[in-house]
Amino acid sequence: CAPEGSDDLVASFPNLRGLGRLSAPPEEWAKCVLPEMPPQAQHGTLKNGLRWIVHENREPKSRAELYLIVGFGSLVEEESERGIAHIIEHLGFSATKSYENHAIVKFLESIGAPFGACQNAYTSFDRTVYTLHVPTDKAGLLDESLTVLREFAYFTRISEEDLSKERKVVLEEWRESKNANGRLFEDYIKALCKDCRWCERLPIGKEEVIKGVSAETLRNFYRRYYHPARMSAVGDFDGAAVAAKVQELFDIPPGEISPLPRDPEAPERPQYPVPETPGIVVASSTDPELSFAQGLLDCKRPRKSFTTVHDYR
């Protein structure tokens, strides 16, 4: 049984209160298999392989969070492509098949979703994620916001003109990354992931690639890795009303995505393990621009699946 007073304690945490109780007796809790997602979440896989997940949250009212998760980032870039996953992420907001000249940004701002806070994206080593935080208090807003996610997924426009305009923005981000914090982060990754691909594929990329890569190289990367079967669309809205719309918008056969059709077979997600470190490694970095001291302790552990309460403990 639960400790005395625990119900009162849990009552003050709405998210904890919403979790289901374990059906097994306490002595068997460690063996209980944990669900992959809350039981209230609706989810499925479209015919083209795209996975969708919908979970309704009542707070904040009249707002929805939408995510498009692409299962690839900078790790799959070749040496001559370093930084292009990040450039493609930028180009999605610049122009697509249905939205010209930053029209996506203008539309979202017009409905109360300012750039940065409510419409954004990031590229990491193993994924690229687009996020929208939009109002739902008017008819049609959610449907068009889902359409925007589909544009990112299938229809980003990648012309030489588009690329030329966006190079300046990406180059400025690259320069900003070369500050004290950026240099120390690079040293940290190199110490943590020595002699493996992780320390050779920082998402920000290389200056010479950003300056000189062709639009054709980006289009090939986009066609190869923005595959429906390697994406997930996630949102916190009324699943019953949205599931059919997701299927209508996103369930396009890979070969029929135009003008950049995808291959029928989805690309594999390669695994790039971080090698074990023999003994204790101490790394120290200094920078003349840094105004504070910081210490980090990292413990490498073998990769394993977590399915039970005991695994998490």
Protein backbone atom coordinates (compact mmCIF):
# COMPACT_ATOMS: atom_id res chain seq x y z
CA CYS A 1 0.00 0.00 0.00
CA ALA A 2 1.06 3.60 -0.47
CA PRO A 3 2.67 5.47 2.43
CA GLU A 4 0.37 7.53 4.62
CA GLY A 5 -0.24 10.95 3.12
CA SER A 6 1.11 10.02 -0.32
CA ASP A 7 -2.24 10.70 -2.04
CA ASP A 8 -2.19 14.26 -0.71
CA LEU A 9 1.37 14.69 -1.96
CA VAL A 10 0.60 13.32 -5.43
CA ALA A 11 -2.53 15.48 -5.65
CA SER A 12 -0.34 18.57 -5.84
CA PHE A 13 1.37 17.27 -9.02
CA PRO A 14 -1.20 16.98 -11.86
CA ASN A 15 1.14 15.10 -14.19
CA LEU A 16 1.94 12.49 -11.55
CA ARG A 17 -1.72 12.22 -10.64
CA GLY A 18 -2.50 11.33 -14.25
CA LEU A 19 -0.23 8.30 -14.23
CA GLY A 20 -1.88 4.95 -13.78
CA ARG A 21 -1.13 2.87 -10.70
CA LEU A 22 0.84 -0.35 -11.04
CA SER A 23 -1.44 -3.37 -10.78
CA ALA A 24 1.25 -5.62 -9.31
CA PRO A 25 2.00 -5.81 -5.57
CA PRO A 26 4.92 -3.63 -4.39
CA GLU A 27 7.36 -6.53 -4.18
CA GLU A 28 6.89 -7.12 -7.95
CA TRP A 29 7.04 -3.51 -9.11
CA ALA A 30 10.63 -3.82 -10.35
CA LYS A 31 9.51 -6.44 -12.90
CA CYS A 32 6.64 -4.35 -14.29
CA VAL A 33 7.03 -3.48 -17.96
CA LEU A 34 6.59 0.24 -18.48
CA PRO A 35 4.51 1.48 -21.43
CA GLU A 36 6.29 3.31 -24.25
CA MET A 37 3.82 6.18 -23.98
CA PRO A 38 0.83 7.26 -21.86
CA PRO A 39 -2.23 5.04 -22.34
CA GLN A 40 -4.25 8.11 -23.38
CA ALA A 41 -1.99 8.72 -26.38
CA GLN A 42 -3.26 7.68 -29.79
CA HIS A 43 -0.70 6.52 -32.29
CA GLY A 44 -0.29 4.67 -35.53
CA THR A 45 1.78 4.21 -38.67
CA LEU A 46 0.67 5.40 -42.11
CA LYS A 47 0.99 3.24 -45.21
CA ASN A 48 4.13 5.13 -46.24
CA GLY A 49 5.76 4.37 -42.89
CA LEU A 50 5.36 7.73 -41.14
CA ARG A 51 4.57 7.31 -37.46
CA TRP A 52 2.09 9.65 -35.78
CA ILE A 53 1.40 10.23 -32.09
CA VAL A 54 -1.37 12.38 -30.63
CA HIS A 55 -1.86 13.16 -26.96
CA GLU A 56 -4.51 15.59 -25.74
CA ASN A 57 -3.50 18.06 -23.03
CA ARG A 58 -6.01 20.46 -21.55
CA GLU A 59 -3.37 23.02 -20.58
CA PRO A 60 -2.51 25.47 -21.95
CA LYS A 61 -6.01 26.06 -23.26
CA SER A 62 -6.58 26.68 -26.96
CA ARG A 63 -2.97 25.92 -27.86
CA ALA A 64 -1.34 22.95 -29.57
CA GLU A 65 2.24 21.73 -29.75
CA LEU A 66 3.28 20.09 -33.02
CA TYR A 67 6.53 18.32 -33.77
CA LEU A 68 8.03 16.81 -36.89
CA ILE A 69 10.93 14.52 -36.00
CA VAL A 70 13.27 13.43 -38.79
CA GLY A 71 15.43 10.49 -37.77
CA PHE A 72 18.69 11.85 -39.18
CA GLY A 73 21.07 14.66 -38.34
CA SER A 74 24.70 15.51 -38.89
CA LEU A 75 26.07 12.01 -38.24
CA VAL A 76 25.05 10.78 -41.70
CA GLU A 77 26.77 13.65 -43.52
CA GLU A 78 29.81 12.87 -45.63
CA GLU A 79 32.93 15.01 -45.21
CA SER A 80 31.89 17.18 -48.19
CA GLU A 81 28.40 17.60 -46.69
CA ARG A 82 29.26 18.75 -43.19
CA GLY A 83 26.59 21.19 -42.09
CA ILE A 84 23.98 20.55 -44.78
CA ALA A 85 21.39 18.94 -42.47
CA HIS A 86 21.35 22.25 -40.59
CA ILE A 87 21.09 24.25 -43.85
CA ILE A 88 18.09 22.18 -44.98
CA GLU A 89 16.39 22.88 -41.66
CA HIS A 90 16.81 26.63 -42.35
CA LEU A 91 15.52 26.34 -45.91
CA GLY A 92 12.25 24.84 -44.68
CA PHE A 93 11.27 28.19 -43.21
CA SER A 94 12.51 30.07 -46.27
CA ALA A 95 10.43 28.53 -49.05
CA THR A 96 8.51 25.35 -49.85
CA LYS A 97 6.26 24.07 -52.59
CA SER A 98 3.27 26.03 -51.29
CA TYR A 99 4.89 28.90 -49.35
CA GLU A 100 7.14 31.51 -50.96
CA ASN A 101 9.55 34.02 -49.43
CA HIS A 102 9.27 33.12 -45.72
CA ALA A 103 5.47 32.92 -46.03
CA ILE A 104 5.45 30.14 -43.41
CA VAL A 105 7.03 32.47 -40.87
CA LYS A 106 4.62 35.28 -41.78
CA PHE A 107 1.55 33.02 -41.54
CA LEU A 108 2.53 31.64 -38.15
CA GLU A 109 3.31 35.10 -36.80
CA SER A 110 -0.06 36.35 -38.08
CA ILE A 111 -1.88 33.77 -35.92
CA GLY A 112 0.11 34.57 -32.78
CA ALA A 113 3.04 32.14 -33.12
CA PRO A 114 6.18 34.33 -33.20
CA PHE A 115 9.39 33.02 -34.71
CA GLY A 116 11.77 31.57 -32.15
CA ALA A 117 9.37 31.09 -29.27
CA CYS A 118 6.54 29.35 -31.14
CA GLN A 119 8.08 28.25 -34.45
CA ASN A 120 11.55 26.84 -34.49
CA ALA A 121 13.73 23.87 -35.34
CA TYR A 122 17.04 22.32 -34.40
CA THR A 123 19.52 19.91 -35.92
CA SER A 124 21.45 17.55 -33.67
CA PHE A 125 23.73 14.60 -34.33
CA ASP A 126 20.98 12.01 -34.87
CA ARG A 127 17.79 13.95 -35.59
CA THR A 128 16.25 17.12 -36.97
CA VAL A 129 13.19 18.45 -35.15
CA TYR A 130 10.69 21.11 -36.22
CA THR A 131 8.41 22.57 -33.53
CA LEU A 132 5.26 24.68 -33.69
CA HIS A 133 3.28 26.11 -30.77
CA VAL A 134 0.05 27.40 -32.30
CA PRO A 135 -3.38 28.64 -31.22
CA THR A 136 -6.41 26.47 -31.93
CA ASP A 137 -9.18 28.91 -31.06
CA LYS A 138 -10.14 29.55 -34.70
CA ALA A 139 -11.33 27.09 -37.31
CA GLY A 140 -8.69 25.98 -39.76
CA LEU A 141 -5.59 27.03 -37.82
CA LEU A 142 -4.66 23.54 -36.73
CA ASP A 143 -5.19 22.10 -40.21
CA GLU A 144 -2.94 24.72 -41.80
CA SER A 145 -0.32 24.23 -39.09
CA LEU A 146 -0.29 20.52 -39.88
CA THR A 147 0.09 21.47 -43.55
CA VAL A 148 3.17 23.50 -42.59
CA LEU A 149 4.69 20.39 -40.96
CA ARG A 150 4.01 18.46 -44.15
CA GLU A 151 5.81 21.15 -46.16
CA PHE A 152 8.89 20.70 -43.97
CA ALA A 153 8.68 16.93 -44.35
CA TYR A 154 8.14 16.62 -48.10
CA PHE A 155 8.27 19.91 -49.95
CA THR A 156 11.14 22.14 -48.79
CA ARG A 157 12.31 24.11 -51.82
CA ILE A 158 16.06 23.86 -52.41
CA SER A 159 17.12 26.04 -55.33
CA GLU A 160 20.43 27.78 -55.87
CA GLU A 161 18.69 31.11 -55.25
CA ASP A 162 17.16 29.88 -51.97
CA LEU A 163 20.51 28.51 -50.87
CA SER A 164 22.35 31.71 -51.76
CA LYS A 165 20.02 33.75 -49.55
CA GLU A 166 20.25 31.38 -46.60
CA ARG A 167 24.04 30.90 -46.66
CA LYS A 168 24.55 34.29 -44.98
CA VAL A 169 22.26 33.38 -42.09
CA VAL A 170 23.86 29.98 -41.55
CA LEU A 171 27.37 31.43 -41.82
CA GLU A 172 26.50 33.96 -39.14
CA GLU A 173 25.36 31.14 -36.86
CA TRP A 174 28.61 29.32 -37.62
CA ARG A 175 30.62 32.42 -36.62
CA GLU A 176 28.59 32.82 -33.43
CA SER A 177 29.35 29.20 -32.55
CA LYS A 178 33.06 30.01 -32.48
CA ASN A 179 32.79 31.94 -29.21
CA ALA A 180 34.26 30.72 -25.93
CA ASN A 181 31.34 28.42 -25.10
CA GLY A 182 31.36 26.96 -28.60
CA ARG A 183 35.09 26.27 -28.55
CA LEU A 184 34.85 24.60 -25.14
CA PHE A 185 31.89 22.50 -26.26
CA GLU A 186 33.92 21.28 -29.23
CA ASP A 187 36.80 20.37 -26.92
CA TYR A 188 34.35 18.58 -24.63
CA ILE A 189 32.85 16.49 -27.45
CA LYS A 190 36.32 15.57 -28.74
CA ALA A 191 37.36 14.41 -25.27
CA LEU A 192 34.13 12.48 -24.66
CA CYS A 193 33.90 10.87 -28.10
CA LYS A 194 37.55 10.56 -29.07
CA ASP A 195 38.30 8.60 -32.24
CA CYS A 196 34.70 8.26 -33.42
CA ARG A 197 32.33 9.99 -35.80
CA TRP A 198 30.56 12.06 -33.15
CA CYS A 199 33.46 14.44 -32.68
CA GLU A 200 33.84 14.78 -36.47
CA ARG A 201 30.25 15.73 -37.24
CA LEU A 202 29.24 18.73 -35.15
CA PRO A 203 25.84 19.87 -36.51
CA ILE A 204 27.01 23.43 -37.22
CA GLY A 205 29.27 22.05 -39.97
CA LYS A 206 32.32 23.48 -41.71
CA GLU A 207 32.70 26.99 -43.07
CA GLU A 208 33.95 25.89 -46.49
CA VAL A 209 30.98 23.54 -46.94
CA ILE A 210 28.45 26.22 -45.96
CA LYS A 211 30.06 28.63 -48.42
CA GLY A 212 30.45 26.27 -51.35
CA VAL A 213 28.00 23.34 -51.22
CA SER A 214 25.59 23.08 -54.15
CA ALA A 215 21.81 22.99 -54.04
CA GLU A 216 21.95 19.64 -55.85
CA THR A 217 23.93 18.13 -52.96
CA LEU A 218 21.29 19.37 -50.52
CA ARG A 219 18.45 18.04 -52.66
CA ASN A 220 20.04 14.60 -52.78
CA PHE A 221 20.43 14.60 -48.98
CA TYR A 222 16.83 15.76 -48.52
CA ARG A 223 15.48 13.08 -50.86
CA ARG A 224 17.53 10.37 -49.18
CA TYR A 225 16.92 11.11 -45.52
CA TYR A 226 13.58 12.96 -45.32
CA HIS A 227 11.78 9.69 -45.91
CA PRO A 228 8.27 9.17 -44.49
CA ALA A 229 9.29 5.92 -42.80
CA ARG A 230 12.01 7.75 -40.87
CA MET A 231 9.77 10.50 -39.54
CA SER A 232 7.28 11.00 -36.74
CA ALA A 233 4.58 13.64 -36.40
CA VAL A 234 3.66 14.36 -32.79
CA GLY A 235 1.06 16.70 -31.32
CA ASP A 236 -0.93 17.43 -28.19
CA PHE A 237 -4.46 17.94 -29.49
CA ASP A 238 -7.74 16.05 -29.82
CA GLY A 239 -6.62 12.85 -31.47
CA ALA A 240 -10.04 11.78 -32.71
CA ALA A 241 -10.37 14.92 -34.81
CA VAL A 242 -6.77 15.05 -36.02
CA ALA A 243 -5.84 11.45 -36.89
CA ALA A 244 -7.81 11.50 -40.14
CA LYS A 245 -6.27 14.86 -41.10
CA VAL A 246 -2.77 13.53 -40.50
CA GLN A 247 -3.51 10.59 -42.78
CA GLU A 248 -4.97 12.87 -45.45
CA LEU A 249 -1.98 15.21 -45.43
CA PHE A 250 0.97 12.92 -44.82
CA ASP A 251 0.11 9.52 -46.32
CA ILE A 252 1.72 10.11 -49.71
CA PRO A 253 3.59 7.17 -51.29
CA PRO A 254 7.33 7.93 -51.22
CA GLY A 255 7.68 7.78 -54.99
CA GLU A 256 4.82 10.26 -55.49
CA ILE A 257 6.27 13.05 -53.36
CA SER A 258 6.90 15.79 -55.92
CA PRO A 259 9.17 17.39 -57.06
CA LEU A 260 11.67 15.30 -55.05
CA PRO A 261 10.37 11.71 -54.99
CA ARG A 262 11.77 9.38 -52.33
CA ASP A 263 13.01 5.83 -52.81
CA PRO A 264 10.52 3.06 -52.01
CA GLU A 265 12.86 1.69 -49.34
CA ALA A 266 13.66 3.87 -46.34
CA PRO A 267 17.34 4.45 -45.52
CA GLU A 268 18.76 2.60 -42.55
CA ARG A 269 19.70 4.57 -39.46
CA PRO A 270 23.39 3.76 -39.00
CA GLN A 271 24.74 3.30 -35.50
CA TYR A 272 27.95 5.09 -34.60
CA PRO A 273 28.97 3.81 -31.17
CA VAL A 274 31.15 5.84 -28.87
CA PRO A 275 34.17 3.72 -27.89
CA GLU A 276 34.77 2.85 -24.29
CA THR A 277 37.32 4.89 -22.43
CA PRO A 278 40.03 2.93 -20.62
CA GLY A 279 40.26 4.16 -17.06
CA ILE A 280 39.58 7.74 -16.05
CA VAL A 281 40.21 10.51 -18.55
CA VAL A 282 40.75 14.07 -17.39
CA ALA A 283 40.42 16.86 -19.95
CA SER A 284 41.00 20.53 -19.27
CA SER A 285 40.29 23.49 -21.57
CA THR A 286 40.76 27.19 -21.11
CA ASP A 287 39.73 30.18 -23.17
CA PRO A 288 40.72 33.83 -22.78
CA GLU A 289 37.12 34.95 -23.40
CA LEU A 290 35.60 32.74 -20.71
CA SER A 291 34.47 34.58 -17.57
CA PHE A 292 33.63 31.62 -15.33
CA ALA A 293 34.84 28.16 -14.34
CA GLN A 294 32.83 25.00 -14.96
CA GLY A 295 33.30 21.33 -14.18
CA LEU A 296 31.59 18.34 -15.81
CA LEU A 297 31.58 14.68 -14.84
CA ASP A 298 30.45 12.14 -17.43
CA CYS A 299 30.05 8.40 -16.96
CA LYS A 300 29.88 6.27 -20.12
CA ARG A 301 27.58 3.28 -19.97
CA PRO A 302 26.82 0.55 -22.50
CA ARG A 303 23.69 1.17 -24.51
CA LYS A 304 20.75 -0.92 -23.33
CA SER A 305 16.99 -0.95 -23.60
CA PHE A 306 14.86 0.21 -20.67
CA THR A 307 11.59 -1.68 -20.37
CA THR A 308 11.00 -2.30 -16.68
CA VAL A 309 11.05 -0.32 -13.45
CA HIS A 310 14.22 -2.17 -12.48
CA ASP A 311 15.97 -1.06 -15.69
CA TYR A 312 15.37 2.59 -14.84
CA ARG A 313 16.53 2.15 -11.29
